[in-house]
N, C-alpha and C. Protein backbone atom coordinates (compact mmCIF):
# COMPACT_ATOMS: atom_id res chain seq x y z
N MET A 1 0.83 -1.18 0.00
CA MET A 1 0.00 0.00 0.00
C MET A 1 0.88 1.25 0.00
N LYS A 2 0.62 2.15 -0.91
CA LYS A 2 1.39 3.38 -1.02
C LYS A 2 1.04 4.34 0.11
N GLN A 3 2.08 4.86 0.79
CA GLN A 3 1.84 5.81 1.87
C GLN A 3 1.43 7.16 1.30
N LYS A 4 0.53 7.86 1.97
CA LYS A 4 0.11 9.18 1.57
C LYS A 4 0.97 10.21 2.30
N ILE A 5 1.22 11.32 1.63
CA ILE A 5 2.08 12.35 2.21
C ILE A 5 1.52 12.85 3.54
N GLN A 6 0.20 12.99 3.65
CA GLN A 6 -0.37 13.52 4.88
C GLN A 6 -0.25 12.54 6.05
N ASP A 7 0.12 11.28 5.79
CA ASP A 7 0.30 10.29 6.84
C ASP A 7 1.72 10.28 7.41
N GLN A 8 2.60 11.03 6.83
CA GLN A 8 3.99 11.07 7.27
C GLN A 8 4.12 11.98 8.50
N LYS A 9 4.71 11.48 9.59
CA LYS A 9 4.79 12.23 10.83
C LYS A 9 5.82 13.36 10.79
N HIS A 10 6.76 13.30 9.87
CA HIS A 10 7.81 14.33 9.80
C HIS A 10 7.49 15.41 8.76
N ILE A 11 6.28 15.38 8.20
CA ILE A 11 5.87 16.34 7.17
C ILE A 11 4.56 17.00 7.62
N TYR A 12 4.52 18.35 7.53
CA TYR A 12 3.36 19.10 7.99
C TYR A 12 2.77 19.93 6.85
N LYS A 13 1.47 19.84 6.68
CA LYS A 13 0.80 20.71 5.70
C LYS A 13 0.66 22.09 6.32
N ILE A 14 1.12 23.12 5.58
CA ILE A 14 1.06 24.48 6.13
C ILE A 14 0.24 25.43 5.28
N GLY A 15 -0.28 24.95 4.15
CA GLY A 15 -1.08 25.83 3.32
C GLY A 15 -1.32 25.24 1.96
N ARG A 16 -1.72 26.12 1.05
CA ARG A 16 -2.02 25.70 -0.32
C ARG A 16 -1.80 26.88 -1.25
N LEU A 17 -1.23 26.61 -2.41
CA LEU A 17 -1.18 27.59 -3.48
C LEU A 17 -2.51 27.42 -4.21
N ASN A 18 -3.42 28.38 -4.01
CA ASN A 18 -4.78 28.20 -4.51
C ASN A 18 -4.87 28.42 -6.02
N GLN A 19 -6.00 27.99 -6.58
CA GLN A 19 -6.20 27.98 -8.03
C GLN A 19 -6.07 29.36 -8.69
N PRO A 20 -6.70 30.42 -8.17
CA PRO A 20 -6.57 31.71 -8.86
C PRO A 20 -5.12 32.21 -8.95
N ILE A 21 -4.38 32.06 -7.86
CA ILE A 21 -2.98 32.50 -7.87
C ILE A 21 -2.15 31.59 -8.77
N ALA A 22 -2.34 30.29 -8.64
CA ALA A 22 -1.60 29.33 -9.47
C ALA A 22 -1.83 29.61 -10.96
N LYS A 23 -3.07 29.87 -11.32
CA LYS A 23 -3.39 30.17 -12.71
C LYS A 23 -2.69 31.45 -13.17
N ALA A 24 -2.67 32.47 -12.31
CA ALA A 24 -2.04 33.74 -12.65
C ALA A 24 -0.54 33.61 -12.89
N ILE A 25 0.11 32.67 -12.19
CA ILE A 25 1.56 32.50 -12.34
C ILE A 25 1.92 31.28 -13.19
N HIS A 26 0.90 30.66 -13.80
CA HIS A 26 1.09 29.52 -14.70
C HIS A 26 1.77 28.34 -14.01
N ARG A 27 1.28 28.05 -12.82
CA ARG A 27 1.75 26.90 -12.05
C ARG A 27 0.55 26.07 -11.61
N LYS A 28 0.83 24.93 -11.05
CA LYS A 28 -0.20 24.02 -10.59
C LYS A 28 -0.65 24.41 -9.18
N ALA A 29 -1.95 24.44 -8.93
CA ALA A 29 -2.46 24.63 -7.57
C ALA A 29 -2.16 23.34 -6.80
N ALA A 30 -1.65 23.48 -5.59
CA ALA A 30 -1.30 22.29 -4.81
C ALA A 30 -1.08 22.68 -3.35
N ASP A 31 -1.15 21.67 -2.48
CA ASP A 31 -0.87 21.87 -1.07
C ASP A 31 0.61 22.19 -0.88
N ILE A 32 0.90 22.83 0.24
CA ILE A 32 2.28 23.19 0.59
C ILE A 32 2.62 22.51 1.92
N TYR A 33 3.75 21.80 1.92
CA TYR A 33 4.20 21.06 3.10
C TYR A 33 5.59 21.53 3.52
N ILE A 34 5.90 21.30 4.79
CA ILE A 34 7.24 21.55 5.30
C ILE A 34 7.70 20.29 6.03
N THR A 35 8.96 19.92 5.86
CA THR A 35 9.51 18.74 6.52
C THR A 35 10.29 19.16 7.77
N GLN A 36 10.51 18.20 8.61
CA GLN A 36 11.33 18.43 9.80
C GLN A 36 12.74 18.88 9.40
N ASN A 37 13.26 18.35 8.29
CA ASN A 37 14.59 18.75 7.82
C ASN A 37 14.63 20.22 7.41
N SER A 38 13.57 20.70 6.76
CA SER A 38 13.52 22.11 6.38
C SER A 38 13.41 23.01 7.61
N ILE A 39 12.63 22.58 8.58
CA ILE A 39 12.53 23.34 9.84
C ILE A 39 13.90 23.44 10.49
N ARG A 40 14.63 22.33 10.52
CA ARG A 40 15.97 22.30 11.11
C ARG A 40 16.92 23.22 10.33
N HIS A 41 16.85 23.16 9.00
CA HIS A 41 17.69 24.02 8.16
C HIS A 41 17.43 25.50 8.46
N ILE A 42 16.16 25.89 8.51
CA ILE A 42 15.82 27.29 8.78
C ILE A 42 16.33 27.69 10.16
N PHE A 43 16.18 26.82 11.15
CA PHE A 43 16.64 27.10 12.50
C PHE A 43 18.16 27.32 12.54
N ILE A 44 18.90 26.48 11.85
CA ILE A 44 20.38 26.56 11.88
C ILE A 44 20.89 27.73 11.04
N LYS A 45 20.41 27.86 9.81
CA LYS A 45 20.95 28.86 8.88
C LYS A 45 20.42 30.27 9.11
N HIS A 46 19.25 30.40 9.70
CA HIS A 46 18.62 31.72 9.80
C HIS A 46 18.22 32.07 11.23
N ALA A 47 18.95 31.54 12.21
CA ALA A 47 18.62 31.73 13.62
C ALA A 47 18.61 33.21 14.01
N GLU A 48 19.60 33.98 13.56
CA GLU A 48 19.65 35.40 13.90
C GLU A 48 18.43 36.14 13.37
N GLN A 49 18.04 35.85 12.14
CA GLN A 49 16.87 36.49 11.55
C GLN A 49 15.60 36.14 12.33
N LEU A 50 15.46 34.86 12.69
CA LEU A 50 14.29 34.43 13.45
C LEU A 50 14.25 35.10 14.82
N ASN A 51 15.41 35.20 15.47
CA ASN A 51 15.48 35.87 16.77
C ASN A 51 15.07 37.33 16.66
N SER A 52 15.41 37.97 15.54
CA SER A 52 15.08 39.38 15.37
C SER A 52 13.57 39.62 15.27
N VAL A 53 12.82 38.61 14.86
CA VAL A 53 11.37 38.75 14.77
C VAL A 53 10.65 37.92 15.84
N GLY A 54 11.41 37.20 16.66
CA GLY A 54 10.84 36.46 17.77
C GLY A 54 9.98 35.28 17.39
N CYS A 55 10.39 34.53 16.36
CA CYS A 55 9.60 33.38 15.88
C CYS A 55 10.44 32.11 15.86
N THR A 56 9.76 30.99 16.01
CA THR A 56 10.38 29.71 15.69
C THR A 56 10.32 29.55 14.17
N PRO A 57 11.07 28.63 13.59
CA PRO A 57 10.99 28.43 12.14
C PRO A 57 9.57 28.13 11.66
N LEU A 58 8.85 27.27 12.35
CA LEU A 58 7.50 26.91 11.93
C LEU A 58 6.55 28.10 12.07
N GLU A 59 6.67 28.87 13.14
CA GLU A 59 5.83 30.06 13.31
C GLU A 59 6.09 31.07 12.19
N PHE A 60 7.37 31.25 11.83
CA PHE A 60 7.76 32.18 10.78
C PHE A 60 7.13 31.77 9.45
N VAL A 61 7.24 30.50 9.10
CA VAL A 61 6.69 29.99 7.84
C VAL A 61 5.16 30.09 7.84
N GLU A 62 4.54 29.72 8.94
CA GLU A 62 3.08 29.80 9.01
C GLU A 62 2.59 31.24 8.88
N MET A 63 3.29 32.18 9.51
CA MET A 63 2.94 33.59 9.41
C MET A 63 3.04 34.07 7.96
N LEU A 64 4.11 33.69 7.28
CA LEU A 64 4.28 34.07 5.89
C LEU A 64 3.22 33.43 4.99
N MET A 65 2.87 32.19 5.26
CA MET A 65 1.85 31.52 4.46
C MET A 65 0.51 32.25 4.54
N LYS A 66 0.21 32.82 5.68
CA LYS A 66 -1.06 33.53 5.85
C LYS A 66 -1.01 34.95 5.30
N ASN A 67 0.19 35.51 5.12
CA ASN A 67 0.30 36.94 4.82
C ASN A 67 1.11 37.30 3.58
N TYR A 68 1.56 36.33 2.78
CA TYR A 68 2.39 36.71 1.63
C TYR A 68 1.58 37.58 0.68
N ASN A 69 2.28 38.52 0.03
CA ASN A 69 1.56 39.43 -0.88
C ASN A 69 2.27 39.59 -2.23
N ARG A 70 3.36 38.87 -2.42
CA ARG A 70 4.05 38.83 -3.72
C ARG A 70 4.67 37.46 -3.91
N ILE A 71 4.75 37.04 -5.18
CA ILE A 71 5.44 35.80 -5.52
C ILE A 71 6.45 36.12 -6.62
N TYR A 72 7.68 35.67 -6.41
CA TYR A 72 8.75 35.84 -7.39
C TYR A 72 9.20 34.47 -7.88
N ARG A 73 9.79 34.46 -9.07
CA ARG A 73 10.43 33.24 -9.57
C ARG A 73 11.74 33.09 -8.81
N GLY A 74 11.96 31.92 -8.25
CA GLY A 74 13.21 31.64 -7.55
C GLY A 74 14.21 30.99 -8.48
N THR A 75 15.13 30.26 -7.91
CA THR A 75 16.12 29.52 -8.68
C THR A 75 15.45 28.34 -9.36
N GLY A 76 15.74 28.15 -10.64
CA GLY A 76 15.13 27.04 -11.37
C GLY A 76 13.63 27.18 -11.42
N TYR A 77 12.92 26.17 -10.92
CA TYR A 77 11.46 26.17 -10.94
C TYR A 77 10.87 26.58 -9.59
N SER A 78 11.72 27.01 -8.66
CA SER A 78 11.22 27.35 -7.33
C SER A 78 10.47 28.68 -7.33
N LEU A 79 9.69 28.88 -6.27
CA LEU A 79 8.92 30.11 -6.08
C LEU A 79 9.35 30.76 -4.78
N LEU A 80 9.33 32.09 -4.74
CA LEU A 80 9.58 32.83 -3.51
C LEU A 80 8.29 33.54 -3.12
N LEU A 81 7.67 33.10 -2.03
CA LEU A 81 6.49 33.77 -1.49
C LEU A 81 7.01 34.81 -0.51
N THR A 82 6.66 36.07 -0.71
CA THR A 82 7.24 37.14 0.09
C THR A 82 6.18 38.01 0.74
N LYS A 83 6.57 38.63 1.85
CA LYS A 83 5.72 39.59 2.55
C LYS A 83 6.42 40.94 2.55
N TRP A 84 5.83 41.88 1.81
CA TRP A 84 6.32 43.26 1.76
C TRP A 84 5.43 44.08 2.68
N ASN A 85 6.06 44.91 3.54
CA ASN A 85 5.25 45.66 4.49
C ASN A 85 5.77 47.08 4.74
N GLY A 86 6.54 47.63 3.82
CA GLY A 86 7.03 48.99 3.97
C GLY A 86 8.34 49.11 4.71
N LEU A 87 8.85 48.01 5.25
CA LEU A 87 10.14 48.02 5.94
C LEU A 87 11.26 47.76 4.93
N PRO A 88 12.52 48.02 5.29
CA PRO A 88 13.62 47.81 4.34
C PRO A 88 13.92 46.34 4.05
N GLU A 89 13.34 45.42 4.85
CA GLU A 89 13.58 44.00 4.64
C GLU A 89 12.28 43.28 4.32
N VAL A 90 12.42 42.13 3.64
CA VAL A 90 11.29 41.35 3.17
C VAL A 90 11.44 39.92 3.70
N ALA A 91 10.35 39.36 4.22
CA ALA A 91 10.34 37.96 4.64
C ALA A 91 9.97 37.10 3.44
N ALA A 92 10.62 35.94 3.31
CA ALA A 92 10.38 35.09 2.13
C ALA A 92 10.43 33.61 2.49
N ILE A 93 9.66 32.83 1.72
CA ILE A 93 9.69 31.37 1.78
C ILE A 93 10.05 30.90 0.38
N GLU A 94 10.97 29.96 0.28
CA GLU A 94 11.28 29.37 -1.02
C GLU A 94 10.61 28.00 -1.11
N LEU A 95 9.83 27.80 -2.18
CA LEU A 95 9.10 26.55 -2.40
C LEU A 95 9.65 25.81 -3.61
N ASN A 96 9.71 24.49 -3.51
CA ASN A 96 10.04 23.62 -4.64
C ASN A 96 8.90 22.65 -4.85
N PHE A 97 8.74 22.17 -6.09
CA PHE A 97 7.80 21.09 -6.35
C PHE A 97 8.43 19.79 -5.89
N ALA A 98 7.62 18.86 -5.40
CA ALA A 98 8.16 17.59 -4.92
C ALA A 98 7.25 16.44 -5.32
N PHE A 99 7.78 15.24 -5.22
CA PHE A 99 7.05 14.00 -5.49
C PHE A 99 6.21 14.07 -6.76
N LYS A 100 6.89 14.10 -7.86
CA LYS A 100 6.25 14.11 -9.17
C LYS A 100 5.21 15.23 -9.30
N LYS A 101 5.57 16.37 -8.73
CA LYS A 101 4.76 17.59 -8.83
C LYS A 101 3.36 17.46 -8.22
N GLU A 102 3.25 16.68 -7.14
CA GLU A 102 1.98 16.53 -6.46
C GLU A 102 1.77 17.62 -5.42
N PHE A 103 2.84 18.24 -4.91
CA PHE A 103 2.72 19.28 -3.91
C PHE A 103 3.97 20.15 -3.89
N TYR A 104 3.88 21.27 -3.19
CA TYR A 104 5.03 22.14 -2.99
C TYR A 104 5.64 21.83 -1.64
N GLU A 105 6.95 21.98 -1.56
CA GLU A 105 7.67 21.76 -0.31
C GLU A 105 8.49 23.00 0.02
N VAL A 106 8.43 23.43 1.28
CA VAL A 106 9.24 24.56 1.73
C VAL A 106 10.69 24.12 1.74
N LYS A 107 11.52 24.84 1.00
CA LYS A 107 12.96 24.56 1.00
C LYS A 107 13.63 25.34 2.12
N THR A 108 13.28 26.63 2.24
CA THR A 108 13.86 27.48 3.28
C THR A 108 12.98 28.70 3.48
N ALA A 109 13.29 29.47 4.50
CA ALA A 109 12.61 30.74 4.77
C ALA A 109 13.65 31.69 5.35
N PHE A 110 13.54 32.97 4.98
CA PHE A 110 14.59 33.91 5.37
C PHE A 110 14.09 35.34 5.27
N ILE A 111 14.94 36.27 5.65
CA ILE A 111 14.67 37.70 5.50
C ILE A 111 15.77 38.28 4.62
N LYS A 112 15.37 39.08 3.61
CA LYS A 112 16.32 39.71 2.68
C LYS A 112 16.02 41.20 2.59
N ARG A 113 17.01 41.95 2.14
CA ARG A 113 16.79 43.37 1.86
C ARG A 113 15.93 43.51 0.62
N LYS A 114 15.10 44.54 0.59
CA LYS A 114 14.25 44.79 -0.59
C LYS A 114 15.08 44.92 -1.85
N SER A 115 16.23 45.56 -1.73
CA SER A 115 17.07 45.79 -2.90
C SER A 115 17.53 44.48 -3.54
N ASP A 116 17.57 43.40 -2.78
CA ASP A 116 17.97 42.10 -3.33
C ASP A 116 16.93 41.54 -4.31
N PHE A 117 15.73 42.09 -4.30
CA PHE A 117 14.67 41.61 -5.18
C PHE A 117 14.59 42.37 -6.50
N LYS A 118 15.45 43.37 -6.69
CA LYS A 118 15.41 44.15 -7.93
C LYS A 118 15.61 43.30 -9.17
N GLU A 119 16.42 42.29 -9.07
CA GLU A 119 16.73 41.43 -10.22
C GLU A 119 15.79 40.23 -10.32
N GLU A 120 14.93 40.03 -9.34
CA GLU A 120 14.02 38.88 -9.35
C GLU A 120 12.83 39.15 -10.26
N ASN A 121 12.24 38.08 -10.78
CA ASN A 121 11.11 38.18 -11.68
C ASN A 121 9.81 38.08 -10.87
N LEU A 122 9.06 39.21 -10.78
CA LEU A 122 7.79 39.24 -10.06
C LEU A 122 6.74 38.50 -10.89
N LEU A 123 6.10 37.48 -10.29
CA LEU A 123 5.08 36.69 -10.96
C LEU A 123 3.66 37.10 -10.58
N TRP A 124 3.50 37.54 -9.33
CA TRP A 124 2.17 37.87 -8.83
C TRP A 124 2.29 38.86 -7.68
N GLN A 125 1.30 39.74 -7.59
CA GLN A 125 1.25 40.70 -6.50
C GLN A 125 -0.20 40.88 -6.07
N LYS A 126 -0.44 40.83 -4.76
CA LYS A 126 -1.80 41.02 -4.23
C LYS A 126 -2.24 42.45 -4.51
N LYS A 127 -3.47 42.60 -4.94
CA LYS A 127 -3.99 43.94 -5.26
C LYS A 127 -4.68 44.55 -4.08
C-alpha cells in the first residue's frame, strides 16, 4: 500500500497555493508542506533572523503563508512567497515542487533586503 504524504509524521501541511494565484503564475495549484529537515535548516541557517522577529521556524513559515503578498520566480522552478510591508527588509519562503509535482515543499525561509529583489522576476502581487 502506497503511503500518503499527509500520513507522514515528519511532514506538515502548512497551506495551499490556490487555483486563482496558481493560474495567474502559470503553475499548478497544490498543497504546501514543510519537513522536519527544512525546519531544522531554517533554525540553523537563519537563527539570527528568526530571533530578530521572535519566531520559531515553523511560526515564521506559518505567518508568511497567511500573509504573503508577492510571488517571485526563484532559482530554477522554485517560487519565492514574500511579505512586503514597507520596511527595508522582506520575509520570504522558497518553495520547490516535490514527489512528481503533487505538492510544494518549503525549501527554506529567510529575511532579505528589498534591494535584493530588484533582479528577481515578479510573478504575482496582491492587489
